[in-house]
Amino acid sequence: MKIALAGVDLLIPKVQMRSLLFFFLLIISLKAAAQTQDSYEYQSEFTWGINKNTSGGLIGGLTFKKARKLKNDRILETFGLEIMNVKHPQEVRENAIISGNLFIYGKRNYLYTLRLQYGRDLILFKKAPQQGVEIKAVFAAGPSLGIIAPYYIEYEDENGNFSSYAQYSKEAHPQPDKILGSGRLFQGIGQSSLAVGLNLKAAINFELGTIKSQVTGFEAGFLLDTYAKKIELMQDAKQYAAYPTLFITLFYGSRK
């Protein structure tokens, strides 16, 4: 599926998109179980979660959010932090011919993003103690800091006598069969560059916990990251400055 945004086409993998939409619709079906009678009160909550999204890997990243109620009992002021790994739509893991280790052919850089978010949660349905579902509409925005770290590979010399590590380049490494695998964890992080941008998020939050002082649930929705420049993640592939994504976050926390 392609999304056109400010003149930029971005491909969201169909399988991941369908999976997230399935979970999103499944969670919305819980709305019918929401209870509004005998609701209990709280003033603040803190949650952390594990994120899965269409621009990330098996685990997209981690989220942290602090929320507190305003004078309007149904509106919460929120402060959030997200730490994510953003991938290019064309990234595919391959097995090295010699070693069998995994690597991503054509990948030039990682993109790690830190998102600060300020927003509002609007309580649509309050829950009763130990039953029902609390449903919120979530809106947030803020600055994004992209950390562009070089992607290192291990490769052997032409005679097969030794191996070296370097950032992938098609010109320097024209023979894929000489690649032994990806580099070490966080290798090259010291050579990172930065990209500044903005993020916008809209989601539906479902709190399913049965204990008054604990928060457990799901958040599903849409997020857009935009940067001031296009970021090269893959060589000879389209570069993007905007990264729209569908996501689902499993969260846990406490409230008082």
Protein backbone atom coordinates (compact mmCIF):
# COMPACT_ATOMS: atom_id res chain seq x y z
CA MET A 1 0.00 0.00 0.00
CA LYS A 2 1.33 3.48 -0.89
CA ILE A 3 0.74 6.65 1.08
CA ALA A 4 1.30 10.00 -0.67
CA LEU A 5 2.42 12.74 1.70
CA ALA A 6 3.75 16.15 0.65
CA GLY A 7 4.91 14.72 -2.65
CA VAL A 8 6.54 11.68 -1.04
CA ASP A 9 5.28 8.15 -1.66
CA LEU A 10 5.86 5.72 1.18
CA LEU A 11 5.17 2.01 0.95
CA ILE A 12 3.72 0.35 4.06
CA PRO A 13 4.14 -3.45 3.99
CA LYS A 14 0.75 -5.03 3.32
CA VAL A 15 1.15 -7.93 5.76
CA GLN A 16 2.08 -5.66 8.68
CA MET A 17 -0.66 -3.18 7.79
CA ARG A 18 -3.32 -5.90 7.69
CA SER A 19 -2.12 -7.34 11.00
CA LEU A 20 -2.30 -3.97 12.73
CA LEU A 21 -5.72 -3.23 11.26
CA PHE A 22 -6.93 -6.63 12.48
CA PHE A 23 -5.76 -5.91 16.02
CA PHE A 24 -7.16 -2.39 15.84
CA LEU A 25 -10.62 -3.63 14.83
CA LEU A 26 -10.47 -6.39 17.43
CA ILE A 27 -9.75 -3.91 20.18
CA ILE A 28 -12.50 -1.54 19.03
CA SER A 29 -14.98 -4.40 19.42
CA LEU A 30 -14.31 -4.22 23.16
CA LYS A 31 -16.03 -0.85 23.23
CA ALA A 32 -19.35 -2.56 23.81
CA ALA A 33 -18.08 -3.82 27.15
CA ALA A 34 -17.24 -0.34 28.45
CA GLN A 35 -18.99 0.57 31.72
CA THR A 36 -19.86 4.11 32.77
CA GLN A 37 -21.57 3.47 36.10
CA ASP A 38 -19.77 3.48 39.48
CA SER A 39 -16.56 4.77 37.91
CA TYR A 40 -13.56 5.29 40.18
CA GLU A 41 -11.41 8.40 40.29
CA TYR A 42 -7.69 8.94 39.72
CA GLN A 43 -5.54 12.03 39.16
CA SER A 44 -2.41 10.78 37.39
CA GLU A 45 -0.88 7.73 35.76
CA PHE A 46 2.45 6.55 34.40
CA THR A 47 2.75 3.87 31.71
CA TRP A 48 5.47 2.22 29.67
CA GLY A 49 4.96 0.00 26.66
CA ILE A 50 6.36 -2.14 23.87
CA ASN A 51 5.56 -0.91 20.38
CA LYS A 52 4.99 -2.77 17.12
CA ASN A 53 4.63 -0.68 13.96
CA THR A 54 4.81 -0.84 10.18
CA SER A 55 8.12 1.08 10.06
CA GLY A 56 9.94 -1.08 12.61
CA GLY A 57 11.09 -4.63 13.12
CA LEU A 58 9.66 -7.37 15.33
CA ILE A 59 9.74 -4.85 18.17
CA GLY A 60 9.50 -1.23 17.04
CA GLY A 61 10.65 0.31 20.31
CA LEU A 62 9.65 1.49 23.78
CA THR A 63 7.20 4.15 24.95
CA PHE A 64 6.86 6.07 28.23
CA LYS A 65 4.00 8.39 29.15
CA LYS A 66 3.04 10.49 32.17
CA ALA A 67 -0.54 11.77 32.33
CA ARG A 68 -2.43 13.94 34.77
CA LYS A 69 -6.03 15.12 34.86
CA LEU A 70 -6.90 18.75 34.27
CA LYS A 71 -9.86 20.64 35.74
CA ASN A 72 -12.06 18.89 33.21
CA ASP A 73 -12.33 15.39 34.67
CA ARG A 74 -12.37 13.79 31.22
CA ILE A 75 -9.18 15.38 29.85
CA LEU A 76 -5.63 14.35 30.73
CA GLU A 77 -2.49 16.34 29.97
CA THR A 78 0.24 13.98 28.71
CA PHE A 79 4.03 14.01 28.40
CA GLY A 80 5.57 11.19 26.38
CA LEU A 81 8.87 9.76 25.20
CA GLU A 82 9.25 7.17 22.44
CA ILE A 83 12.49 5.41 21.49
CA MET A 84 12.15 3.70 18.10
CA ASN A 85 14.11 1.97 15.36
CA VAL A 86 12.85 3.12 11.94
CA LYS A 87 13.44 0.89 8.90
CA HIS A 88 13.22 1.41 5.16
CA PRO A 89 10.31 -0.44 3.45
CA GLN A 90 12.76 -2.31 1.16
CA GLU A 91 14.93 -3.79 3.91
CA VAL A 92 15.17 -7.59 3.64
CA ARG A 93 17.40 -9.82 5.76
CA GLU A 94 19.56 -12.28 3.85
CA ASN A 95 21.88 -15.12 4.83
CA ALA A 96 25.55 -14.67 3.99
CA ILE A 97 26.71 -17.38 1.58
CA ILE A 98 29.94 -18.15 3.44
CA SER A 99 28.93 -17.85 7.10
CA GLY A 100 25.14 -18.11 7.04
CA ASN A 101 24.91 -15.01 9.23
CA LEU A 102 22.15 -12.49 8.62
CA PHE A 103 22.68 -9.08 7.05
CA ILE A 104 20.67 -6.51 5.08
CA TYR A 105 22.08 -6.10 1.59
CA GLY A 106 22.11 -2.49 0.45
CA LYS A 107 21.54 -0.97 3.88
CA ARG A 108 23.66 2.11 4.56
CA ASN A 109 22.38 3.50 7.86
CA TYR A 110 20.23 2.83 10.89
CA LEU A 111 17.67 5.42 11.98
CA TYR A 112 16.98 5.59 15.70
CA THR A 113 14.45 8.22 16.69
CA LEU A 114 13.71 9.86 20.02
CA ARG A 115 10.24 11.42 20.08
CA LEU A 116 9.15 13.88 22.74
CA GLN A 117 5.38 14.30 22.84
CA TYR A 118 2.95 16.66 24.52
CA GLY A 119 -0.74 16.04 24.15
CA ARG A 120 -4.19 15.34 25.45
CA ASP A 121 -6.09 12.15 26.26
CA LEU A 122 -9.87 12.51 26.09
CA ILE A 123 -11.77 9.93 28.16
CA LEU A 124 -14.63 8.65 26.02
CA PHE A 125 -15.82 5.91 28.39
CA LYS A 126 -14.93 5.52 32.05
CA LYS A 127 -14.61 2.07 33.55
CA ALA A 128 -16.08 0.70 36.72
CA PRO A 129 -13.76 -0.85 39.32
CA GLN A 130 -12.64 -4.36 38.34
CA GLN A 131 -14.76 -4.43 35.20
CA GLY A 132 -15.21 -2.88 31.80
CA VAL A 133 -12.86 -0.91 29.60
CA GLU A 134 -11.73 2.70 29.79
CA ILE A 135 -11.46 4.16 26.30
CA LYS A 136 -9.55 7.33 25.45
CA ALA A 137 -8.91 9.32 22.29
CA VAL A 138 -5.20 10.18 22.16
CA PHE A 139 -3.63 13.20 20.44
CA ALA A 140 0.03 14.21 20.79
CA ALA A 141 2.78 16.06 18.95
CA GLY A 142 6.34 17.16 19.52
CA PRO A 143 9.92 17.24 18.28
CA SER A 144 11.78 14.20 16.93
CA LEU A 145 15.52 13.67 17.06
CA GLY A 146 16.79 11.18 14.48
CA ILE A 147 20.12 9.47 15.13
CA ILE A 148 21.56 8.27 11.82
CA ALA A 149 24.14 5.56 12.59
CA PRO A 150 26.20 3.81 9.90
CA TYR A 151 25.31 0.18 9.16
CA TYR A 152 28.45 -1.94 9.35
CA ILE A 153 29.06 -5.26 7.64
CA GLU A 154 31.80 -7.85 8.06
CA TYR A 155 33.46 -8.88 4.82
CA GLU A 156 36.49 -10.90 3.75
CA ASP A 157 39.32 -9.74 1.50
CA GLU A 158 39.69 -10.92 -2.06
CA ASN A 159 41.96 -13.81 -1.03
CA GLY A 160 39.78 -14.88 1.89
CA ASN A 161 42.66 -14.41 4.34
CA PHE A 162 41.01 -12.08 6.87
CA SER A 163 37.82 -10.16 7.53
CA SER A 164 37.19 -6.49 8.21
CA TYR A 165 34.31 -4.27 9.30
CA ALA A 166 33.13 -1.20 7.40
CA GLN A 167 29.99 0.74 6.56
CA TYR A 168 28.30 -0.91 3.60
CA SER A 169 28.91 0.66 0.20
CA LYS A 170 28.07 -0.87 -3.16
CA GLU A 171 31.23 0.64 -4.63
CA ALA A 172 33.50 -0.71 -1.88
CA HIS A 173 31.70 -4.07 -1.58
CA PRO A 174 30.47 -5.01 -5.07
CA GLN A 175 30.51 -8.77 -4.36
CA PRO A 176 27.69 -9.87 -2.03
CA ASP A 177 29.27 -13.33 -1.67
CA LYS A 178 32.19 -11.72 0.20
CA ILE A 179 29.91 -10.39 2.96
CA LEU A 180 30.07 -12.48 6.15
CA GLY A 181 27.29 -10.75 8.08
CA SER A 182 26.37 -7.53 9.83
CA GLY A 183 28.68 -5.67 12.19
CA ARG A 184 28.71 -5.77 15.96
CA LEU A 185 25.91 -4.28 18.04
CA PHE A 186 26.12 -0.44 18.08
CA GLN A 187 29.28 -0.53 15.98
CA GLY A 188 29.83 2.88 14.39
CA ILE A 189 27.44 4.68 16.74
CA GLY A 190 30.20 7.19 17.38
CA GLN A 191 30.05 8.27 13.73
CA SER A 192 26.34 9.08 13.89
CA SER A 193 24.77 12.24 12.54
CA LEU A 194 21.54 13.92 13.64
CA ALA A 195 18.30 14.93 11.95
CA VAL A 196 15.68 17.14 13.57
CA GLY A 197 11.98 16.77 12.87
CA LEU A 198 8.43 16.70 14.19
CA ASN A 199 5.98 13.93 15.05
CA LEU A 200 2.17 13.78 15.22
CA LYS A 201 0.13 10.98 16.76
CA ALA A 202 -3.57 10.09 16.85
CA ALA A 203 -4.74 6.89 18.51
CA ILE A 204 -7.37 5.07 20.55
CA ASN A 205 -6.35 3.82 24.00
CA PHE A 206 -8.03 0.86 25.72
CA GLU A 207 -7.29 0.31 29.42
CA LEU A 208 -8.28 -3.21 30.45
CA GLY A 209 -6.84 -3.57 33.95
CA THR A 210 -8.86 -5.06 36.80
CA ILE A 211 -6.85 -3.53 39.66
CA LYS A 212 -7.55 0.10 40.52
CA SER A 213 -3.91 1.11 41.03
CA GLN A 214 -2.58 -0.63 37.88
CA VAL A 215 -2.93 0.19 34.20
CA THR A 216 -2.85 -2.48 31.48
CA GLY A 217 -4.03 -2.23 27.92
CA PHE A 218 -3.48 -1.42 24.24
CA GLU A 219 -3.04 1.71 22.18
CA ALA A 220 -3.50 1.60 18.41
CA GLY A 221 -3.37 4.34 15.84
CA PHE A 222 -1.37 6.41 13.36
CA LEU A 223 1.90 8.30 13.74
CA LEU A 224 3.79 10.58 11.36
CA ASP A 225 7.49 11.42 11.66
CA THR A 226 8.83 14.18 9.41
CA TYR A 227 12.42 15.40 9.19
CA ALA A 228 14.05 18.50 7.73
CA LYS A 229 15.99 16.38 5.23
CA LYS A 230 15.71 13.06 3.43
CA ILE A 231 17.53 10.24 5.20
CA GLU A 232 19.55 7.61 3.35
CA LEU A 233 18.81 4.20 4.85
CA MET A 234 19.30 2.05 1.72
CA GLN A 235 21.67 2.64 -1.18
CA ASP A 236 20.00 3.01 -4.61
CA ALA A 237 16.57 3.14 -2.98
CA LYS A 238 14.14 6.00 -2.59
CA GLN A 239 14.96 8.29 0.31
CA TYR A 240 12.29 9.69 2.59
CA ALA A 241 11.91 12.67 4.89
CA ALA A 242 8.46 11.55 6.10
CA TYR A 243 7.68 8.21 7.77
CA PRO A 244 3.96 7.52 8.36
CA THR A 245 3.24 4.39 10.33
CA LEU A 246 0.40 2.37 11.84
CA PHE A 247 1.17 1.05 15.32
CA ILE A 248 -0.06 -0.91 18.29
CA THR A 249 1.46 -0.55 21.76
CA LEU A 250 1.02 -2.93 24.69
CA PHE A 251 1.38 -0.89 27.89
CA TYR A 252 1.52 -1.36 31.63
CA GLY A 253 1.75 1.10 34.50
CA SER A 254 0.27 2.57 37.64
CA ARG A 255 -2.14 5.34 38.60
CA LYS A 256 -3.11 7.24 41.70
